[in-house]
PDB file of all heavy atoms in Angstrom:
ATOM      1  N   LYS A   1      84.526 222.920  64.274  1.00  0.00           N
ATOM      2  CA  LYS A   1      83.867 221.715  63.746  1.00  0.00           C
ATOM      3  C   LYS A   1      84.193 220.481  64.588  1.00  0.00           C
ATOM      4  O   LYS A   1      83.332 219.633  64.798  1.00  0.00           O
ATOM      5  CB  LYS A   1      84.249 221.523  62.282  1.00  0.00           C
ATOM      6  CG  LYS A   1      83.604 222.583  61.400  1.00  0.00           C
ATOM      7  CD  LYS A   1      84.031 222.491  59.963  1.00  0.00           C
ATOM      8  CE  LYS A   1      83.286 223.545  59.143  1.00  0.00           C
ATOM      9  NZ  LYS A   1      83.655 223.502  57.726  1.00  0.00           N
ATOM     10  N   SER A   2      85.411 220.384  65.080  1.00  0.00           N
ATOM     11  CA  SER A   2      85.726 219.255  65.958  1.00  0.00           C
ATOM     12  C   SER A   2      84.956 219.385  67.266  1.00  0.00           C
ATOM     13  O   SER A   2      84.503 218.384  67.836  1.00  0.00           O
ATOM     14  CB  SER A   2      87.230 219.141  66.205  1.00  0.00           C
ATOM     15  OG  SER A   2      87.724 220.265  66.891  1.00  0.00           O
ATOM     16  N   ASP A   3      84.780 220.618  67.741  1.00  0.00           N
ATOM     17  CA  ASP A   3      83.986 220.873  68.943  1.00  0.00           C
ATOM     18  C   ASP A   3      82.535 220.451  68.726  1.00  0.00           C
ATOM     19  O   ASP A   3      81.921 219.827  69.596  1.00  0.00           O
ATOM     20  CB  ASP A   3      84.072 222.360  69.293  1.00  0.00           C
ATOM     21  CG  ASP A   3      83.977 222.626  70.776  1.00  0.00           C
ATOM     22  OD1 ASP A   3      84.546 221.844  71.559  1.00  0.00           O
ATOM     23  OD2 ASP A   3      83.335 223.620  71.145  1.00  0.00           O
ATOM     24  N   GLU A   4      81.996 220.769  67.576  1.00  0.00           N
ATOM     25  CA  GLU A   4      80.620 220.369  67.247  1.00  0.00           C
ATOM     26  C   GLU A   4      80.481 218.846  67.247  1.00  0.00           C
ATOM     27  O   GLU A   4      79.511 218.291  67.781  1.00  0.00           O
ATOM     28  CB  GLU A   4      80.236 220.935  65.879  1.00  0.00           C
ATOM     29  CG  GLU A   4      78.787 220.725  65.517  1.00  0.00           C
ATOM     30  CD  GLU A   4      78.416 221.385  64.198  1.00  0.00           C
ATOM     31  OE1 GLU A   4      78.970 222.447  63.859  1.00  0.00           O
ATOM     32  OE2 GLU A   4      77.547 220.814  63.501  1.00  0.00           O
ATOM     33  N   ALA A   5      81.454 218.163  66.672  1.00  0.00           N
ATOM     34  CA  ALA A   5      81.433 216.695  66.660  1.00  0.00           C
ATOM     35  C   ALA A   5      81.571 216.131  68.064  1.00  0.00           C
ATOM     36  O   ALA A   5      80.925 215.142  68.419  1.00  0.00           O
ATOM     37  CB  ALA A   5      82.543 216.170  65.752  1.00  0.00           C
ATOM     38  N   MET A   6      82.399 216.778  68.905  1.00  0.00           N
ATOM     39  CA  MET A   6      82.560 216.321  70.290  1.00  0.00           C
ATOM     40  C   MET A   6      81.244 216.445  71.052  1.00  0.00           C
ATOM     41  O   MET A   6      80.848 215.530  71.773  1.00  0.00           O
ATOM     42  CB  MET A   6      83.646 217.127  71.006  1.00  0.00           C
ATOM     43  CG  MET A   6      83.818 216.723  72.460  1.00  0.00           C
ATOM     44  SD  MET A   6      84.795 217.891  73.413  1.00  0.00           S
ATOM     45  CE  MET A   6      83.784 219.352  73.365  1.00  0.00           C
ATOM     46  N   TYR A   7      80.561 217.581  70.904  1.00  0.00           N
ATOM     47  CA  TYR A   7      79.289 217.754  71.606  1.00  0.00           C
ATOM     48  C   TYR A   7      78.241 216.778  71.101  1.00  0.00           C
ATOM     49  O   TYR A   7      77.393 216.319  71.864  1.00  0.00           O
ATOM     50  CB  TYR A   7      78.813 219.205  71.545  1.00  0.00           C
ATOM     51  CG  TYR A   7      79.543 220.046  72.549  1.00  0.00           C
ATOM     52  CD1 TYR A   7      80.495 220.975  72.158  1.00  0.00           C
ATOM     53  CD2 TYR A   7      79.339 219.864  73.917  1.00  0.00           C
ATOM     54  CE1 TYR A   7      81.207 221.717  73.087  1.00  0.00           C
ATOM     55  CE2 TYR A   7      80.032 220.597  74.859  1.00  0.00           C
ATOM     56  CZ  TYR A   7      80.957 221.526  74.436  1.00  0.00           C
ATOM     57  OH  TYR A   7      81.662 222.245  75.368  1.00  0.00           O
ATOM     58  N   TYR A   8      78.307 216.419  69.837  1.00  0.00           N
ATOM     59  CA  TYR A   8      77.402 215.408  69.304  1.00  0.00           C
ATOM     60  C   TYR A   8      77.597 214.085  70.048  1.00  0.00           C
ATOM     61  O   TYR A   8      76.631 213.471  70.490  1.00  0.00           O
ATOM     62  CB  TYR A   8      77.632 215.214  67.799  1.00  0.00           C
ATOM     63  CG  TYR A   8      76.738 214.161  67.214  1.00  0.00           C
ATOM     64  CD1 TYR A   8      75.522 214.508  66.640  1.00  0.00           C
ATOM     65  CD2 TYR A   8      77.091 212.818  67.237  1.00  0.00           C
ATOM     66  CE1 TYR A   8      74.687 213.538  66.110  1.00  0.00           C
ATOM     67  CE2 TYR A   8      76.261 211.843  66.717  1.00  0.00           C
ATOM     68  CZ  TYR A   8      75.062 212.206  66.153  1.00  0.00           C
ATOM     69  OH  TYR A   8      74.234 211.238  65.637  1.00  0.00           O
ATOM     70  N   ILE A   9      78.843 213.665  70.188  1.00  0.00           N
ATOM     71  CA  ILE A   9      79.100 212.382  70.860  1.00  0.00           C
ATOM     72  C   ILE A   9      78.741 212.466  72.338  1.00  0.00           C
ATOM     73  O   ILE A   9      78.239 211.497  72.915  1.00  0.00           O
ATOM     74  CB  ILE A   9      80.552 211.890  70.623  1.00  0.00           C
ATOM     75  CG1 ILE A   9      80.684 210.387  70.902  1.00  0.00           C
ATOM     76  CG2 ILE A   9      81.556 212.638  71.441  1.00  0.00           C
ATOM     77  CD1 ILE A   9      79.948 209.514  69.952  1.00  0.00           C
ATOM     78  N   LYS A  10      78.925 213.626  72.973  1.00  0.00           N
ATOM     79  CA  LYS A  10      78.528 213.783  74.377  1.00  0.00           C
ATOM     80  C   LYS A  10      77.019 213.666  74.531  1.00  0.00           C
ATOM     81  O   LYS A  10      76.540 213.114  75.519  1.00  0.00           O
ATOM     82  CB  LYS A  10      79.009 215.132  74.920  1.00  0.00           C
ATOM     83  CG  LYS A  10      80.472 215.153  75.273  1.00  0.00           C
ATOM     84  CD  LYS A  10      80.851 216.452  75.938  1.00  0.00           C
ATOM     85  CE  LYS A  10      82.255 216.387  76.471  1.00  0.00           C
ATOM     86  NZ  LYS A  10      82.582 217.522  77.331  1.00  0.00           N
ATOM     87  N   GLU A  11      76.271 214.163  73.573  1.00  0.00           N
ATOM     88  CA  GLU A  11      74.807 214.090  73.631  1.00  0.00           C
ATOM     89  C   GLU A  11      74.267 212.709  73.285  1.00  0.00           C
ATOM     90  O   GLU A  11      73.123 212.406  73.564  1.00  0.00           O
ATOM     91  CB  GLU A  11      74.197 215.115  72.676  1.00  0.00           C
ATOM     92  CG  GLU A  11      74.421 216.550  73.111  1.00  0.00           C
ATOM     93  CD  GLU A  11      73.995 217.557  72.057  1.00  0.00           C
ATOM     94  OE1 GLU A  11      73.431 217.157  71.011  1.00  0.00           O
ATOM     95  OE2 GLU A  11      74.243 218.754  72.267  1.00  0.00           O
ATOM     96  N   HIS A  12      75.101 211.874  72.681  1.00  0.00           N
ATOM     97  CA  HIS A  12      74.660 210.549  72.240  1.00  0.00           C
ATOM     98  C   HIS A  12      75.422 209.426  72.923  1.00  0.00           C
ATOM     99  O   HIS A  12      75.798 208.434  72.297  1.00  0.00           O
ATOM    100  CB  HIS A  12      74.784 210.453  70.723  1.00  0.00           C
ATOM    101  CG  HIS A  12      73.844 211.337  69.983  1.00  0.00           C
ATOM    102  ND1 HIS A  12      74.132 212.654  69.687  1.00  0.00           N
ATOM    103  CD2 HIS A  12      72.587 211.118  69.522  1.00  0.00           C
ATOM    104  CE1 HIS A  12      73.109 213.200  69.052  1.00  0.00           C
ATOM    105  NE2 HIS A  12      72.152 212.290  68.943  1.00  0.00           N
ATOM    106  N   GLY A  13      75.672 209.578  74.218  1.00  0.00           N
ATOM    107  CA  GLY A  13      76.213 208.462  74.977  1.00  0.00           C
ATOM    108  C   GLY A  13      77.609 208.620  75.529  1.00  0.00           C
ATOM    109  O   GLY A  13      78.022 207.836  76.359  1.00  0.00           O
ATOM    110  N   ARG A  14      78.363 209.589  75.057  1.00  0.00           N
ATOM    111  CA  ARG A  14      79.720 209.821  75.555  1.00  0.00           C
ATOM    112  C   ARG A  14      80.651 208.648  75.267  1.00  0.00           C
ATOM    113  O   ARG A  14      80.265 207.654  74.686  1.00  0.00           O
ATOM    114  CB  ARG A  14      79.718 210.136  77.054  1.00  0.00           C
ATOM    115  CG  ARG A  14      78.936 211.377  77.395  1.00  0.00           C
ATOM    116  CD  ARG A  14      78.971 211.630  78.909  1.00  0.00           C
ATOM    117  NE  ARG A  14      78.350 212.904  79.204  1.00  0.00           N
ATOM    118  CZ  ARG A  14      79.018 214.046  79.331  1.00  0.00           C
ATOM    119  NH1 ARG A  14      80.304 214.077  79.199  1.00  0.00           N
ATOM    120  NH2 ARG A  14      78.369 215.161  79.577  1.00  0.00           N
ATOM    121  N   ASN A  15      81.885 208.809  75.716  1.00  0.00           N
ATOM    122  CA  ASN A  15      82.899 207.764  75.617  1.00  0.00           C
ATOM    123  C   ASN A  15      82.997 207.181  74.210  1.00  0.00           C
ATOM    124  O   ASN A  15      82.867 205.985  74.000  1.00  0.00           O
ATOM    125  CB  ASN A  15      82.657 206.657  76.641  1.00  0.00           C
ATOM    126  CG  ASN A  15      83.914 205.842  76.853  1.00  0.00           C
ATOM    127  OD1 ASN A  15      85.007 206.388  76.881  1.00  0.00           O
ATOM    128  ND2 ASN A  15      83.769 204.549  77.002  1.00  0.00           N
ATOM    129  N   GLY A  16      83.233 208.039  73.267  1.00  0.00           N
ATOM    130  CA  GLY A  16      83.376 207.614  71.885  1.00  0.00           C
ATOM    131  C   GLY A  16      83.916 208.758  71.058  1.00  0.00           C
ATOM    132  O   GLY A  16      84.417 209.741  71.591  1.00  0.00           O
ATOM    133  N   TYR A  17      83.803 208.627  69.758  1.00  0.00           N
ATOM    134  CA  TYR A  17      84.300 209.681  68.884  1.00  0.00           C
ATOM    135  C   TYR A  17      83.411 209.803  67.653  1.00  0.00           C
ATOM    136  O   TYR A  17      82.661 208.891  67.310  1.00  0.00           O
ATOM    137  CB  TYR A  17      85.752 209.431  68.493  1.00  0.00           C
ATOM    138  CG  TYR A  17      85.965 208.223  67.609  1.00  0.00           C
ATOM    139  CD1 TYR A  17      86.099 208.364  66.236  1.00  0.00           C
ATOM    140  CD2 TYR A  17      86.054 206.943  68.149  1.00  0.00           C
ATOM    141  CE1 TYR A  17      86.306 207.267  65.425  1.00  0.00           C
ATOM    142  CE2 TYR A  17      86.273 205.841  67.358  1.00  0.00           C
ATOM    143  CZ  TYR A  17      86.400 206.004  65.988  1.00  0.00           C
ATOM    144  OH  TYR A  17      86.607 204.915  65.191  1.00  0.00           O
ATOM    145  N   LYS A  18      83.501 210.959  67.037  1.00  0.00           N
ATOM    146  CA  LYS A  18      82.694 211.235  65.853  1.00  0.00           C
ATOM    147  C   LYS A  18      83.487 212.160  64.939  1.00  0.00           C
ATOM    148  O   LYS A  18      84.092 213.127  65.395  1.00  0.00           O
ATOM    149  CB  LYS A  18      81.385 211.891  66.269  1.00  0.00           C
ATOM    150  CG  LYS A  18      80.345 211.962  65.204  1.00  0.00           C
ATOM    151  CD  LYS A  18      79.694 210.622  65.029  1.00  0.00           C
ATOM    152  CE  LYS A  18      78.401 210.738  64.254  1.00  0.00           C
ATOM    153  NZ  LYS A  18      77.826 209.449  63.975  1.00  0.00           N
ATOM    154  N   PHE A  19      83.479 211.856  63.655  1.00  0.00           N
ATOM    155  CA  PHE A  19      84.039 212.757  62.670  1.00  0.00           C
ATOM    156  C   PHE A  19      83.035 213.837  62.341  1.00  0.00           C
ATOM    157  O   PHE A  19      81.823 213.569  62.250  1.00  0.00           O
ATOM    158  CB  PHE A  19      84.384 211.989  61.377  1.00  0.00           C
ATOM    159  CG  PHE A  19      85.606 211.137  61.471  1.00  0.00           C
ATOM    160  CD1 PHE A  19      85.509 209.827  61.900  1.00  0.00           C
ATOM    161  CD2 PHE A  19      86.842 211.637  61.120  1.00  0.00           C
ATOM    162  CE1 PHE A  19      86.638 209.016  61.975  1.00  0.00           C
ATOM    163  CE2 PHE A  19      87.971 210.852  61.186  1.00  0.00           C
ATOM    164  CZ  PHE A  19      87.871 209.531  61.619  1.00  0.00           C
ATOM    165  N   TYR A  20      83.497 215.066  62.153  1.00  0.00           N
ATOM    166  CA  TYR A  20      82.599 216.167  61.796  1.00  0.00           C
ATOM    167  C   TYR A  20      81.831 215.837  60.526  1.00  0.00           C
ATOM    168  O   TYR A  20      80.640 216.115  60.448  1.00  0.00           O
ATOM    169  CB  TYR A  20      83.378 217.477  61.610  1.00  0.00           C
ATOM    170  CG  TYR A  20      82.494 218.577  61.114  1.00  0.00           C
ATOM    171  CD1 TYR A  20      81.637 219.246  61.983  1.00  0.00           C
ATOM    172  CD2 TYR A  20      82.476 218.928  59.768  1.00  0.00           C
ATOM    173  CE1 TYR A  20      80.789 220.233  61.533  1.00  0.00           C
ATOM    174  CE2 TYR A  20      81.628 219.930  59.311  1.00  0.00           C
ATOM    175  CZ  TYR A  20      80.792 220.568  60.191  1.00  0.00           C
ATOM    176  OH  TYR A  20      79.939 221.546  59.738  1.00  0.00           O
ATOM    177  N   SER A  21      82.471 215.222  59.559  1.00  0.00           N
ATOM    178  CA  SER A  21      81.792 214.900  58.292  1.00  0.00           C
ATOM    179  C   SER A  21      80.604 213.971  58.515  1.00  0.00           C
ATOM    180  O   SER A  21      79.598 214.060  57.803  1.00  0.00           O
ATOM    181  CB  SER A  21      82.776 214.271  57.308  1.00  0.00           C
ATOM    182  OG  SER A  21      83.382 213.115  57.863  1.00  0.00           O
ATOM    183  N   ASP A  22      80.644 213.108  59.533  1.00  0.00           N
ATOM    184  CA  ASP A  22      79.505 212.236  59.859  1.00  0.00           C
ATOM    185  C   ASP A  22      78.385 213.012  60.526  1.00  0.00           C
ATOM    186  O   ASP A  22      77.217 212.745  60.278  1.00  0.00           O
ATOM    187  CB  ASP A  22      79.950 211.078  60.758  1.00  0.00           C
ATOM    188  CG  ASP A  22      80.899 210.124  60.046  1.00  0.00           C
ATOM    189  OD1 ASP A  22      80.897 210.081  58.806  1.00  0.00           O
ATOM    190  OD2 ASP A  22      81.663 209.444  60.757  1.00  0.00           O
ATOM    191  N   VAL A  23      78.738 213.975  61.386  1.00  0.00           N
ATOM    192  CA  VAL A  23      77.732 214.798  62.057  1.00  0.00           C
ATOM    193  C   VAL A  23      77.004 215.640  61.023  1.00  0.00           C
ATOM    194  O   VAL A  23      75.786 215.777  61.060  1.00  0.00           O
ATOM    195  CB  VAL A  23      78.396 215.719  63.117  1.00  0.00           C
ATOM    196  CG1 VAL A  23      77.406 216.726  63.672  1.00  0.00           C
ATOM    197  CG2 VAL A  23      78.997 214.887  64.225  1.00  0.00           C
ATOM    198  N   GLU A  24      77.756 216.182  60.094  1.00  0.00           N
ATOM    199  CA  GLU A  24      77.221 217.055  59.050  1.00  0.00           C
ATOM    200  C   GLU A  24      76.170 216.330  58.212  1.00  0.00           C
ATOM    201  O   GLU A  24      75.197 216.915  57.784  1.00  0.00           O
ATOM    202  CB  GLU A  24      78.367 217.550  58.189  1.00  0.00           C
ATOM    203  CG  GLU A  24      77.984 218.593  57.187  1.00  0.00           C
ATOM    204  CD  GLU A  24      79.196 219.040  56.384  1.00  0.00           C
ATOM    205  OE1 GLU A  24      80.016 218.191  55.985  1.00  0.00           O
ATOM    206  OE2 GLU A  24      79.296 220.248  56.170  1.00  0.00           O
TER     207      GLU A  24
END
């Protein structure tokens, strides 16, 4: 799940962070 959140942030601009619960 942390990997999924990381790939989300990479696809949306990089250089940031995302909680899995927000991606979900």
